[in-house]
């Protein structure tokens, strides 16, 4: 499976069979960064904010768009579980709800936390376990803060943690840089020097690691 980061919270997941799923696409320009360069068969939207729901930017003419869908469902042969959460610490009264997605692709569980705004409950942890690859917001302000992201990562204990939703050069949102998260991490941090990596079930690291992608 290929995992490619298109900046902010936008990820492309491509299965061995060539099925492409994009999660939380943005248009680039509204954020001060490049727009995603991908066309998706399926698009998952964690919540309806402008920097996460630009489905038209990445959609193939035949694309299926799934918006904030909780529960179990399938996209072709990809199994998905949508888990509801809040975008803030006050049960959604400030920023509403989000839906976190856990996808089973090529035998690998990939979890995208969207704009999670609080530490996970026991029920949410159960629904998101196991997770092999965790895509987690670490930039704070609109999501969990760096120390909360580290707490969530330690609870879920994925094989790979991929930080997202943090400040990068050009970004016009007041997010914290990824270093605020990395300085808390006690696991090995691997700086890949690229936006993407390929992974198989067999090649998953046996101990939890952070994969830092380069935007």
N, C-alpha and C. Protein backbone atom coordinates (compact mmCIF):
# COMPACT_ATOMS: atom_id res chain seq x y z
N UNK A 1 0.84 -1.19 0.00
CA UNK A 1 0.00 0.00 0.00
C UNK A 1 0.88 1.25 0.00
N UNK A 2 0.43 2.23 -0.77
CA UNK A 2 1.11 3.53 -0.79
C UNK A 2 0.35 4.51 0.10
N UNK A 3 1.09 5.22 0.93
CA UNK A 3 0.52 6.29 1.75
C UNK A 3 1.24 7.58 1.36
N UNK A 4 0.49 8.55 0.86
CA UNK A 4 1.09 9.81 0.42
C UNK A 4 0.37 10.97 1.10
N UNK A 5 1.17 11.89 1.65
CA UNK A 5 0.64 13.07 2.34
C UNK A 5 0.59 14.24 1.36
N UNK A 6 -0.57 14.86 1.26
CA UNK A 6 -0.75 16.02 0.40
C UNK A 6 -0.87 17.32 1.21
N UNK A 7 -0.30 17.32 2.40
CA UNK A 7 -0.32 18.50 3.25
C UNK A 7 -1.56 18.57 4.11
N UNK A 8 -1.42 19.23 5.25
CA UNK A 8 -2.50 19.42 6.21
C UNK A 8 -3.03 18.05 6.67
N UNK A 9 -4.30 17.75 6.44
CA UNK A 9 -4.86 16.46 6.86
C UNK A 9 -5.18 15.57 5.67
N UNK A 10 -4.72 15.92 4.49
CA UNK A 10 -5.07 15.20 3.27
C UNK A 10 -4.10 14.06 2.99
N UNK A 11 -4.62 12.85 2.95
CA UNK A 11 -3.81 11.68 2.66
C UNK A 11 -4.41 10.87 1.53
N UNK A 12 -3.53 10.34 0.72
CA UNK A 12 -3.89 9.40 -0.35
C UNK A 12 -3.45 8.01 0.08
N UNK A 13 -4.38 7.06 0.03
CA UNK A 13 -4.08 5.67 0.33
C UNK A 13 -4.38 4.87 -0.93
N UNK A 14 -3.38 4.19 -1.45
CA UNK A 14 -3.58 3.42 -2.69
C UNK A 14 -3.27 1.96 -2.43
N UNK A 15 -4.26 1.11 -2.69
CA UNK A 15 -4.11 -0.32 -2.43
C UNK A 15 -3.26 -0.99 -3.50
N UNK A 16 -2.88 -2.23 -3.23
CA UNK A 16 -2.10 -3.00 -4.20
C UNK A 16 -2.85 -3.16 -5.52
N UNK A 17 -4.18 -3.15 -5.45
CA UNK A 17 -5.01 -3.29 -6.66
C UNK A 17 -5.21 -1.96 -7.39
N UNK A 18 -4.65 -0.88 -6.84
CA UNK A 18 -4.75 0.41 -7.50
C UNK A 18 -5.95 1.23 -7.13
N UNK A 19 -6.71 0.82 -6.11
CA UNK A 19 -7.85 1.60 -5.64
C UNK A 19 -7.33 2.75 -4.78
N UNK A 20 -7.74 3.97 -5.11
CA UNK A 20 -7.23 5.16 -4.41
C UNK A 20 -8.30 5.79 -3.53
N UNK A 21 -7.98 5.94 -2.26
CA UNK A 21 -8.85 6.62 -1.30
C UNK A 21 -8.14 7.90 -0.87
N UNK A 22 -8.85 9.02 -0.88
CA UNK A 22 -8.31 10.27 -0.37
C UNK A 22 -9.16 10.70 0.82
N UNK A 23 -8.48 11.07 1.89
CA UNK A 23 -9.15 11.51 3.12
C UNK A 23 -8.89 13.00 3.34
N UNK A 24 -9.94 13.75 3.60
CA UNK A 24 -9.88 15.18 3.96
C UNK A 24 -9.10 16.05 2.97
N UNK A 25 -9.55 16.10 1.72
CA UNK A 25 -8.87 16.96 0.74
C UNK A 25 -9.11 18.44 1.00
N UNK A 26 -8.10 19.25 0.71
CA UNK A 26 -8.21 20.70 0.78
C UNK A 26 -7.96 21.25 -0.62
N UNK A 27 -8.16 22.55 -0.81
CA UNK A 27 -7.93 23.12 -2.14
C UNK A 27 -6.54 23.74 -2.26
N UNK A 28 -5.77 23.71 -1.19
CA UNK A 28 -4.42 24.27 -1.22
C UNK A 28 -4.40 25.77 -1.04
N UNK A 29 -5.01 26.48 -1.97
CA UNK A 29 -4.92 27.94 -2.00
C UNK A 29 -5.46 28.59 -0.73
N UNK A 30 -6.53 28.04 -0.19
CA UNK A 30 -7.12 28.62 1.02
C UNK A 30 -6.19 28.50 2.23
N UNK A 31 -5.22 27.59 2.15
CA UNK A 31 -4.31 27.36 3.26
C UNK A 31 -2.92 27.94 3.03
N UNK A 32 -2.65 28.36 1.79
CA UNK A 32 -1.33 28.87 1.46
C UNK A 32 -0.34 27.79 1.05
N UNK A 33 -0.86 26.58 0.74
CA UNK A 33 0.00 25.48 0.31
C UNK A 33 -0.50 24.95 -1.04
N UNK A 34 0.18 23.95 -1.56
CA UNK A 34 -0.19 23.40 -2.86
C UNK A 34 -1.46 22.55 -2.76
N UNK A 35 -2.29 22.55 -3.81
CA UNK A 35 -3.46 21.66 -3.81
C UNK A 35 -3.03 20.22 -4.00
N UNK A 36 -3.83 19.27 -3.57
CA UNK A 36 -3.49 17.86 -3.75
C UNK A 36 -3.42 17.50 -5.23
N UNK A 37 -2.42 16.72 -5.60
CA UNK A 37 -2.25 16.27 -6.97
C UNK A 37 -2.58 14.78 -7.04
N UNK A 38 -3.86 14.45 -7.02
CA UNK A 38 -4.31 13.07 -7.02
C UNK A 38 -5.77 13.04 -7.46
N UNK A 39 -6.18 11.92 -8.04
CA UNK A 39 -7.58 11.69 -8.38
C UNK A 39 -8.03 10.41 -7.70
N UNK A 40 -9.12 10.52 -6.97
CA UNK A 40 -9.54 9.44 -6.08
C UNK A 40 -10.74 8.67 -6.60
N UNK A 41 -10.74 7.37 -6.28
CA UNK A 41 -11.93 6.54 -6.51
C UNK A 41 -12.94 6.75 -5.39
N UNK A 42 -12.42 6.94 -4.18
CA UNK A 42 -13.26 7.16 -3.00
C UNK A 42 -12.68 8.31 -2.19
N UNK A 43 -13.58 9.12 -1.63
CA UNK A 43 -13.17 10.27 -0.82
C UNK A 43 -13.90 10.20 0.51
N UNK A 44 -13.14 10.28 1.59
CA UNK A 44 -13.70 10.28 2.93
C UNK A 44 -13.52 11.67 3.54
N UNK A 45 -14.62 12.22 4.05
CA UNK A 45 -14.62 13.53 4.68
C UNK A 45 -14.88 13.34 6.17
N UNK A 46 -13.94 13.80 7.02
CA UNK A 46 -14.13 13.63 8.46
C UNK A 46 -15.08 14.68 9.04
N UNK A 47 -15.14 15.86 8.42
CA UNK A 47 -16.07 16.91 8.85
C UNK A 47 -16.12 17.99 7.78
N UNK A 48 -17.15 18.81 7.85
CA UNK A 48 -17.43 19.76 6.77
C UNK A 48 -16.83 21.14 7.00
N UNK A 49 -15.51 21.18 7.20
CA UNK A 49 -14.81 22.46 7.25
C UNK A 49 -14.01 22.62 5.96
N UNK A 50 -13.80 23.87 5.53
CA UNK A 50 -13.27 24.16 4.21
C UNK A 50 -11.92 23.52 3.93
N UNK A 51 -11.14 23.30 4.99
CA UNK A 51 -9.80 22.76 4.80
C UNK A 51 -9.77 21.22 4.86
N UNK A 52 -10.96 20.61 4.82
CA UNK A 52 -11.05 19.15 4.89
C UNK A 52 -12.06 18.56 3.90
N UNK A 53 -12.84 19.38 3.21
CA UNK A 53 -13.96 18.83 2.43
C UNK A 53 -13.95 19.23 0.95
N UNK A 54 -12.79 19.58 0.40
CA UNK A 54 -12.72 20.00 -1.01
C UNK A 54 -12.70 18.79 -1.95
N UNK A 55 -13.78 18.02 -1.91
CA UNK A 55 -13.83 16.76 -2.65
C UNK A 55 -13.67 16.97 -4.15
N UNK A 56 -14.19 18.08 -4.68
CA UNK A 56 -14.13 18.33 -6.12
C UNK A 56 -12.70 18.44 -6.64
N UNK A 57 -11.76 18.78 -5.77
CA UNK A 57 -10.37 18.96 -6.18
C UNK A 57 -9.72 17.62 -6.54
N UNK A 58 -10.16 16.55 -5.88
CA UNK A 58 -9.48 15.26 -6.04
C UNK A 58 -10.36 14.17 -6.65
N UNK A 59 -11.61 14.48 -6.98
CA UNK A 59 -12.54 13.44 -7.40
C UNK A 59 -12.40 13.06 -8.87
N UNK A 60 -12.33 11.76 -9.12
CA UNK A 60 -12.55 11.27 -10.48
C UNK A 60 -14.02 11.47 -10.83
N UNK A 61 -14.38 11.46 -12.12
CA UNK A 61 -15.80 11.62 -12.49
C UNK A 61 -16.70 10.57 -11.84
N UNK A 62 -16.15 9.40 -11.56
CA UNK A 62 -16.94 8.31 -10.98
C UNK A 62 -16.73 8.16 -9.48
N UNK A 63 -16.07 9.11 -8.86
CA UNK A 63 -15.71 8.98 -7.45
C UNK A 63 -16.93 8.91 -6.54
N UNK A 64 -16.81 8.12 -5.50
CA UNK A 64 -17.84 8.07 -4.45
C UNK A 64 -17.34 8.88 -3.26
N UNK A 65 -18.18 9.80 -2.80
CA UNK A 65 -17.81 10.68 -1.70
C UNK A 65 -18.59 10.28 -0.45
N UNK A 66 -17.88 10.05 0.63
CA UNK A 66 -18.50 9.65 1.90
C UNK A 66 -18.26 10.78 2.90
N UNK A 67 -19.33 11.34 3.41
CA UNK A 67 -19.23 12.49 4.31
C UNK A 67 -19.69 12.13 5.73
N UNK A 68 -18.75 12.15 6.66
CA UNK A 68 -19.05 11.97 8.08
C UNK A 68 -19.93 10.76 8.36
N UNK A 69 -19.58 9.64 7.78
CA UNK A 69 -20.38 8.42 7.96
C UNK A 69 -19.78 7.56 9.07
N UNK A 70 -20.56 7.32 10.09
CA UNK A 70 -20.11 6.46 11.18
C UNK A 70 -20.61 5.04 10.96
N UNK A 71 -20.06 4.10 11.73
CA UNK A 71 -20.44 2.70 11.58
C UNK A 71 -19.55 1.98 10.60
N UNK A 72 -19.90 0.73 10.30
CA UNK A 72 -19.11 -0.11 9.42
C UNK A 72 -19.67 -0.07 8.00
N UNK A 73 -18.76 0.04 7.02
CA UNK A 73 -19.15 0.00 5.61
C UNK A 73 -17.94 -0.37 4.77
N UNK A 74 -18.17 -0.60 3.48
CA UNK A 74 -17.10 -1.02 2.59
C UNK A 74 -16.97 -0.08 1.41
N UNK A 75 -15.75 0.10 0.94
CA UNK A 75 -15.45 0.82 -0.29
C UNK A 75 -14.72 -0.18 -1.18
N UNK A 76 -15.46 -0.78 -2.14
CA UNK A 76 -14.88 -1.87 -2.90
C UNK A 76 -14.51 -2.97 -1.92
N UNK A 77 -13.26 -3.40 -1.88
CA UNK A 77 -12.86 -4.44 -0.93
C UNK A 77 -12.16 -3.86 0.29
N UNK A 78 -12.29 -2.55 0.49
CA UNK A 78 -11.70 -1.88 1.64
C UNK A 78 -12.75 -1.75 2.74
N UNK A 79 -12.45 -2.27 3.91
CA UNK A 79 -13.37 -2.20 5.04
C UNK A 79 -13.12 -0.92 5.84
N UNK A 80 -14.18 -0.25 6.22
CA UNK A 80 -14.06 1.03 6.94
C UNK A 80 -14.94 1.02 8.18
N UNK A 81 -14.43 1.61 9.25
CA UNK A 81 -15.23 1.89 10.44
C UNK A 81 -15.14 3.38 10.71
N UNK A 82 -16.29 4.05 10.78
CA UNK A 82 -16.34 5.46 11.13
C UNK A 82 -16.73 5.62 12.59
N UNK A 83 -15.95 6.41 13.32
CA UNK A 83 -16.16 6.58 14.76
C UNK A 83 -16.35 8.06 15.07
N UNK A 84 -17.47 8.41 15.64
CA UNK A 84 -17.75 9.81 15.94
C UNK A 84 -16.93 10.32 17.11
N UNK A 85 -16.55 11.60 17.01
CA UNK A 85 -15.80 12.28 18.07
C UNK A 85 -16.15 13.76 17.99
N UNK A 86 -15.52 14.56 18.83
CA UNK A 86 -15.77 16.00 18.85
C UNK A 86 -14.55 16.78 18.37
N UNK A 87 -14.82 17.93 17.80
CA UNK A 87 -13.79 18.81 17.25
C UNK A 87 -13.22 19.73 18.34
N UNK A 88 -13.69 19.56 19.56
CA UNK A 88 -13.27 20.43 20.66
C UNK A 88 -13.38 19.67 21.97
N UNK A 89 -13.16 20.36 23.07
CA UNK A 89 -13.21 19.73 24.39
C UNK A 89 -14.55 19.94 25.09
N UNK A 90 -15.51 20.55 24.39
CA UNK A 90 -16.80 20.86 25.02
C UNK A 90 -17.94 20.17 24.26
N UNK A 91 -17.69 18.90 23.91
CA UNK A 91 -18.70 18.04 23.28
C UNK A 91 -19.32 18.66 22.03
N UNK A 92 -18.47 19.32 21.25
CA UNK A 92 -18.91 19.83 19.96
C UNK A 92 -19.60 21.17 19.98
N UNK A 93 -19.74 21.80 21.12
CA UNK A 93 -20.47 23.07 21.19
C UNK A 93 -19.72 24.20 20.50
N UNK A 94 -18.41 24.06 20.34
CA UNK A 94 -17.62 25.12 19.72
C UNK A 94 -17.39 24.85 18.23
N UNK A 95 -17.01 23.61 17.88
CA UNK A 95 -16.64 23.32 16.48
C UNK A 95 -17.37 22.12 15.90
N UNK A 96 -18.27 21.52 16.63
CA UNK A 96 -19.06 20.42 16.08
C UNK A 96 -18.38 19.06 16.22
N UNK A 97 -18.84 18.12 15.39
CA UNK A 97 -18.36 16.75 15.45
C UNK A 97 -17.41 16.44 14.30
N UNK A 98 -16.67 15.37 14.47
CA UNK A 98 -15.87 14.80 13.38
C UNK A 98 -16.12 13.29 13.38
N UNK A 99 -15.77 12.65 12.27
CA UNK A 99 -15.81 11.19 12.21
C UNK A 99 -14.40 10.70 11.89
N UNK A 100 -13.85 9.93 12.80
CA UNK A 100 -12.55 9.31 12.58
C UNK A 100 -12.76 8.04 11.77
N UNK A 101 -11.83 7.74 10.89
CA UNK A 101 -11.98 6.55 10.05
C UNK A 101 -10.84 5.57 10.27
N UNK A 102 -11.20 4.30 10.42
CA UNK A 102 -10.21 3.22 10.43
C UNK A 102 -10.48 2.35 9.21
N UNK A 103 -9.48 2.24 8.33
CA UNK A 103 -9.62 1.50 7.09
C UNK A 103 -8.73 0.26 7.13
N UNK A 104 -9.24 -0.83 6.59
CA UNK A 104 -8.45 -2.05 6.43
C UNK A 104 -8.12 -2.20 4.95
N UNK A 105 -6.85 -1.96 4.62
CA UNK A 105 -6.38 -2.00 3.24
C UNK A 105 -5.17 -2.93 3.17
N UNK A 106 -5.26 -3.94 2.32
CA UNK A 106 -4.14 -4.88 2.14
C UNK A 106 -3.65 -5.46 3.46
N UNK A 107 -4.60 -5.72 4.36
CA UNK A 107 -4.25 -6.32 5.64
C UNK A 107 -3.71 -5.37 6.67
N UNK A 108 -3.71 -4.06 6.37
CA UNK A 108 -3.16 -3.04 7.26
C UNK A 108 -4.28 -2.12 7.73
N UNK A 109 -4.35 -1.88 9.03
CA UNK A 109 -5.34 -0.96 9.58
C UNK A 109 -4.74 0.45 9.64
N UNK A 110 -5.36 1.37 8.88
CA UNK A 110 -4.93 2.77 8.85
C UNK A 110 -6.03 3.61 9.49
N UNK A 111 -5.68 4.39 10.49
CA UNK A 111 -6.66 5.23 11.19
C UNK A 111 -6.32 6.70 10.98
N UNK A 112 -7.32 7.46 10.52
CA UNK A 112 -7.22 8.91 10.33
C UNK A 112 -8.12 9.57 11.36
N UNK A 113 -7.53 10.39 12.23
CA UNK A 113 -8.29 10.96 13.35
C UNK A 113 -9.00 12.27 13.01
N UNK A 114 -8.85 12.77 11.77
CA UNK A 114 -9.51 14.03 11.43
C UNK A 114 -9.07 15.14 12.36
N UNK A 115 -9.98 16.04 12.67
CA UNK A 115 -9.68 17.14 13.59
C UNK A 115 -10.15 16.78 15.00
N UNK A 116 -9.63 15.69 15.51
CA UNK A 116 -9.97 15.27 16.87
C UNK A 116 -9.60 16.38 17.85
N UNK A 117 -10.54 16.71 18.74
CA UNK A 117 -10.32 17.83 19.66
C UNK A 117 -10.18 17.44 21.11
N UNK A 118 -10.10 16.15 21.40
CA UNK A 118 -10.04 15.69 22.79
C UNK A 118 -9.35 14.33 22.84
N UNK A 119 -8.91 13.92 24.01
CA UNK A 119 -8.34 12.59 24.15
C UNK A 119 -9.45 11.57 23.97
N UNK A 120 -9.08 10.38 23.54
CA UNK A 120 -10.08 9.36 23.19
C UNK A 120 -10.73 8.76 24.43
N UNK A 121 -12.01 8.40 24.27
CA UNK A 121 -12.71 7.66 25.32
C UNK A 121 -12.39 6.17 25.19
N UNK A 122 -12.74 5.41 26.21
CA UNK A 122 -12.50 3.96 26.17
C UNK A 122 -13.26 3.32 25.01
N UNK A 123 -14.48 3.78 24.76
CA UNK A 123 -15.28 3.23 23.66
C UNK A 123 -14.63 3.52 22.31
N UNK A 124 -14.14 4.74 22.14
CA UNK A 124 -13.47 5.09 20.88
C UNK A 124 -12.19 4.28 20.70
N UNK A 125 -11.44 4.12 21.76
CA UNK A 125 -10.20 3.33 21.70
C UNK A 125 -10.51 1.91 21.24
N UNK A 126 -11.55 1.33 21.79
CA UNK A 126 -11.92 -0.04 21.43
C UNK A 126 -12.26 -0.16 19.95
N UNK A 127 -12.98 0.85 19.41
CA UNK A 127 -13.39 0.81 18.01
C UNK A 127 -12.22 1.05 17.05
N UNK A 128 -11.18 1.72 17.54
CA UNK A 128 -10.03 2.05 16.69
C UNK A 128 -8.86 1.07 16.87
N UNK A 129 -9.09 0.04 17.66
CA UNK A 129 -8.05 -0.96 17.92
C UNK A 129 -8.36 -2.25 17.18
N UNK A 130 -7.38 -2.86 16.48
CA UNK A 130 -5.99 -2.41 16.36
C UNK A 130 -5.82 -1.34 15.29
N UNK A 131 -4.80 -0.54 15.43
CA UNK A 131 -4.37 0.41 14.40
C UNK A 131 -2.90 0.17 14.11
N UNK A 132 -2.58 -0.03 12.84
CA UNK A 132 -1.19 -0.22 12.44
C UNK A 132 -0.52 1.10 12.07
N UNK A 133 -1.25 1.94 11.32
CA UNK A 133 -0.73 3.24 10.90
C UNK A 133 -1.70 4.31 11.39
N UNK A 134 -1.21 5.24 12.21
CA UNK A 134 -2.03 6.28 12.80
C UNK A 134 -1.69 7.63 12.19
N UNK A 135 -2.68 8.27 11.56
CA UNK A 135 -2.53 9.61 11.00
C UNK A 135 -3.16 10.56 12.01
N UNK A 136 -2.34 11.37 12.68
CA UNK A 136 -2.80 12.09 13.87
C UNK A 136 -2.46 13.57 13.80
N UNK A 137 -3.45 14.45 14.14
CA UNK A 137 -3.16 15.89 14.17
C UNK A 137 -2.31 16.23 15.38
N UNK A 138 -1.28 17.06 15.17
CA UNK A 138 -0.37 17.38 16.27
C UNK A 138 -0.15 18.89 16.43
N UNK A 139 -0.81 19.71 15.61
CA UNK A 139 -0.54 21.14 15.59
C UNK A 139 -1.34 21.99 16.54
N UNK A 140 -2.27 21.37 17.27
CA UNK A 140 -3.04 22.12 18.25
C UNK A 140 -3.94 23.19 17.65
N UNK A 141 -4.34 24.16 18.47
CA UNK A 141 -5.23 25.28 18.15
C UNK A 141 -6.64 24.80 17.85
N UNK A 142 -6.82 24.05 16.76
CA UNK A 142 -8.14 23.57 16.37
C UNK A 142 -8.33 22.09 16.70
N UNK A 143 -7.27 21.43 17.14
CA UNK A 143 -7.32 19.99 17.43
C UNK A 143 -6.64 19.73 18.76
N UNK A 144 -6.43 18.46 19.05
CA UNK A 144 -5.65 18.12 20.24
C UNK A 144 -4.28 18.78 20.19
N UNK A 145 -3.77 19.14 21.35
CA UNK A 145 -2.46 19.76 21.46
C UNK A 145 -1.37 18.68 21.34
N UNK A 146 -0.13 19.08 21.12
CA UNK A 146 0.94 18.09 20.95
C UNK A 146 1.02 17.06 22.08
N UNK A 147 0.87 17.50 23.34
CA UNK A 147 0.97 16.54 24.44
C UNK A 147 -0.21 15.58 24.45
N UNK A 148 -1.37 16.05 24.01
CA UNK A 148 -2.54 15.16 23.91
C UNK A 148 -2.38 14.17 22.77
N UNK A 149 -1.77 14.63 21.67
CA UNK A 149 -1.51 13.74 20.54
C UNK A 149 -0.58 12.61 20.96
N UNK A 150 0.43 12.93 21.74
CA UNK A 150 1.35 11.91 22.22
C UNK A 150 0.63 10.93 23.14
N UNK A 151 -0.29 11.44 23.96
CA UNK A 151 -1.08 10.57 24.84
C UNK A 151 -1.95 9.62 24.01
N UNK A 152 -2.60 10.14 22.97
CA UNK A 152 -3.44 9.30 22.10
C UNK A 152 -2.59 8.25 21.40
N UNK A 153 -1.45 8.65 20.91
CA UNK A 153 -0.56 7.70 20.22
C UNK A 153 -0.13 6.58 21.17
N UNK A 154 0.22 6.92 22.38
CA UNK A 154 0.67 5.91 23.34
C UNK A 154 -0.45 4.94 23.70
N UNK A 155 -1.70 5.44 23.73
CA UNK A 155 -2.84 4.58 24.05
C UNK A 155 -3.12 3.61 22.91
N UNK A 156 -3.10 4.09 21.67
CA UNK A 156 -3.41 3.24 20.52
C UNK A 156 -2.24 2.34 20.12
N UNK A 157 -1.03 2.77 20.42
CA UNK A 157 0.19 2.00 20.16
C UNK A 157 0.23 1.40 18.75
N UNK A 158 0.16 2.23 17.74
CA UNK A 158 0.27 1.73 16.38
C UNK A 158 1.71 1.34 16.06
N UNK A 159 1.90 0.65 14.96
CA UNK A 159 3.26 0.36 14.50
C UNK A 159 3.93 1.64 13.99
N UNK A 160 3.12 2.47 13.31
CA UNK A 160 3.63 3.69 12.70
C UNK A 160 2.72 4.86 13.05
N UNK A 161 3.29 5.96 13.50
CA UNK A 161 2.57 7.22 13.72
C UNK A 161 3.02 8.21 12.66
N UNK A 162 2.06 8.82 11.98
CA UNK A 162 2.37 9.84 10.98
C UNK A 162 1.73 11.16 11.43
N UNK A 163 2.53 12.14 11.86
CA UNK A 163 1.97 13.43 12.27
C UNK A 163 1.37 14.18 11.07
N UNK A 164 0.31 14.93 11.33
CA UNK A 164 -0.33 15.74 10.29
C UNK A 164 -0.92 16.98 10.95
N UNK A 165 -1.51 17.85 10.13
CA UNK A 165 -2.26 19.02 10.62
C UNK A 165 -1.40 19.88 11.55
N UNK A 166 -0.20 20.22 11.07
CA UNK A 166 0.69 21.12 11.81
C UNK A 166 1.19 22.20 10.85
N UNK A 167 1.86 23.20 11.39
CA UNK A 167 2.31 24.32 10.55
C UNK A 167 3.46 23.89 9.65
N UNK A 168 3.33 24.24 8.37
CA UNK A 168 4.42 24.07 7.41
C UNK A 168 4.63 25.41 6.72
N UNK A 169 5.74 25.58 6.05
CA UNK A 169 6.06 26.85 5.39
C UNK A 169 4.95 27.24 4.41
N UNK A 170 4.46 28.46 4.55
CA UNK A 170 3.39 28.96 3.71
C UNK A 170 2.01 28.85 4.33
N UNK A 171 1.86 27.96 5.31
CA UNK A 171 0.57 27.74 5.94
C UNK A 171 0.07 29.01 6.62
N UNK A 172 -1.21 29.37 6.37
CA UNK A 172 -1.76 30.59 6.95
C UNK A 172 -2.66 30.33 8.16
N UNK A 173 -2.66 29.11 8.67
CA UNK A 173 -3.40 28.80 9.90
C UNK A 173 -2.43 28.84 11.08
N UNK A 174 -2.90 29.29 12.25
CA UNK A 174 -2.01 29.41 13.42
C UNK A 174 -1.79 28.08 14.13
N UNK A 175 -1.10 27.16 13.45
CA UNK A 175 -0.82 25.85 14.02
C UNK A 175 0.61 25.80 14.55
N UNK A 176 0.84 24.88 15.46
CA UNK A 176 2.19 24.69 16.00
C UNK A 176 3.01 23.83 15.04
N UNK A 177 4.32 24.00 15.01
CA UNK A 177 5.17 23.15 14.18
C UNK A 177 5.26 21.75 14.76
N UNK A 178 5.67 20.81 13.93
CA UNK A 178 5.71 19.40 14.34
C UNK A 178 6.73 19.16 15.44
N UNK A 179 7.74 20.01 15.56
CA UNK A 179 8.77 19.81 16.59
C UNK A 179 8.18 19.82 18.00
N UNK A 180 7.08 20.56 18.20
CA UNK A 180 6.44 20.59 19.52
C UNK A 180 5.95 19.20 19.93
N UNK A 181 5.57 18.41 18.94
CA UNK A 181 5.14 17.03 19.19
C UNK A 181 6.35 16.11 19.31
N UNK A 182 7.30 16.26 18.40
CA UNK A 182 8.44 15.35 18.34
C UNK A 182 9.27 15.38 19.62
N UNK A 183 9.35 16.54 20.27
CA UNK A 183 10.19 16.63 21.47
C UNK A 183 9.59 15.85 22.65
N UNK A 184 8.32 15.45 22.52
CA UNK A 184 7.68 14.66 23.56
C UNK A 184 7.81 13.16 23.32
N UNK A 185 8.09 12.80 22.08
CA UNK A 185 8.07 11.40 21.65
C UNK A 185 9.29 10.65 22.18
N UNK A 186 9.06 9.48 22.73
CA UNK A 186 10.16 8.63 23.20
C UNK A 186 10.42 7.46 22.26
N UNK A 187 9.63 7.31 21.20
CA UNK A 187 9.85 6.27 20.21
C UNK A 187 10.84 6.77 19.16
N UNK A 188 11.34 5.87 18.36
CA UNK A 188 12.24 6.25 17.28
C UNK A 188 11.50 7.09 16.24
N UNK A 189 12.12 8.18 15.83
CA UNK A 189 11.55 9.05 14.79
C UNK A 189 12.37 8.86 13.51
N UNK A 190 11.69 8.49 12.45
CA UNK A 190 12.35 8.28 11.16
C UNK A 190 11.93 9.39 10.21
N UNK A 191 12.87 10.22 9.82
CA UNK A 191 12.59 11.31 8.88
C UNK A 191 12.78 10.78 7.47
N UNK A 192 11.68 10.61 6.77
CA UNK A 192 11.72 9.94 5.48
C UNK A 192 12.25 10.80 4.35
N UNK A 193 12.16 12.13 4.47
CA UNK A 193 12.65 12.99 3.40
C UNK A 193 11.78 12.95 2.16
N UNK A 194 10.55 12.46 2.29
CA UNK A 194 9.62 12.37 1.16
C UNK A 194 8.20 12.50 1.69
N UNK A 195 7.26 12.70 0.77
CA UNK A 195 5.85 12.82 1.17
C UNK A 195 5.15 11.48 1.30
N UNK A 196 5.81 10.41 0.94
CA UNK A 196 5.12 9.13 0.82
C UNK A 196 6.00 7.98 1.26
N UNK A 197 5.34 6.85 1.50
CA UNK A 197 6.05 5.60 1.74
C UNK A 197 5.13 4.45 1.37
N UNK A 198 5.74 3.32 1.09
CA UNK A 198 4.99 2.10 0.81
C UNK A 198 5.18 1.15 1.98
N UNK A 199 4.13 0.39 2.28
CA UNK A 199 4.17 -0.50 3.42
C UNK A 199 3.37 -1.76 3.11
N UNK A 200 3.82 -2.87 3.63
CA UNK A 200 3.06 -4.12 3.57
C UNK A 200 2.84 -4.61 4.98
N UNK A 201 1.93 -5.53 5.13
CA UNK A 201 1.66 -6.08 6.46
C UNK A 201 2.92 -6.70 7.04
N UNK A 202 3.69 -7.34 6.16
CA UNK A 202 4.90 -8.04 6.60
C UNK A 202 6.03 -7.08 6.99
N UNK A 203 6.02 -5.88 6.41
CA UNK A 203 7.12 -4.94 6.67
C UNK A 203 6.81 -3.93 7.78
N UNK A 204 5.68 -4.07 8.44
CA UNK A 204 5.38 -3.17 9.56
C UNK A 204 6.43 -3.33 10.65
N UNK A 205 6.91 -2.23 11.20
CA UNK A 205 7.88 -2.34 12.30
C UNK A 205 7.26 -3.01 13.51
N UNK A 206 8.05 -3.78 14.23
CA UNK A 206 7.53 -4.49 15.40
C UNK A 206 7.39 -3.59 16.61
N UNK A 207 8.15 -2.50 16.64
CA UNK A 207 8.04 -1.52 17.72
C UNK A 207 7.51 -0.21 17.15
N UNK A 208 6.75 0.51 17.95
CA UNK A 208 6.14 1.76 17.49
C UNK A 208 7.19 2.77 17.09
N UNK A 209 6.97 3.41 15.93
CA UNK A 209 7.87 4.43 15.42
C UNK A 209 7.06 5.58 14.86
N UNK A 210 7.71 6.73 14.77
CA UNK A 210 7.11 7.89 14.11
C UNK A 210 7.76 8.04 12.73
N UNK A 211 6.93 8.10 11.71
CA UNK A 211 7.40 8.38 10.36
C UNK A 211 7.10 9.85 10.05
N UNK A 212 8.12 10.67 9.95
CA UNK A 212 7.93 12.08 9.65
C UNK A 212 8.05 12.30 8.14
N UNK A 213 6.95 12.66 7.53
CA UNK A 213 6.94 12.93 6.09
C UNK A 213 7.38 14.35 5.83
N UNK A 214 7.96 14.59 4.66
CA UNK A 214 8.45 15.91 4.29
C UNK A 214 7.47 16.54 3.31
N UNK A 215 6.94 17.71 3.70
CA UNK A 215 6.01 18.39 2.78
C UNK A 215 6.79 19.35 1.92
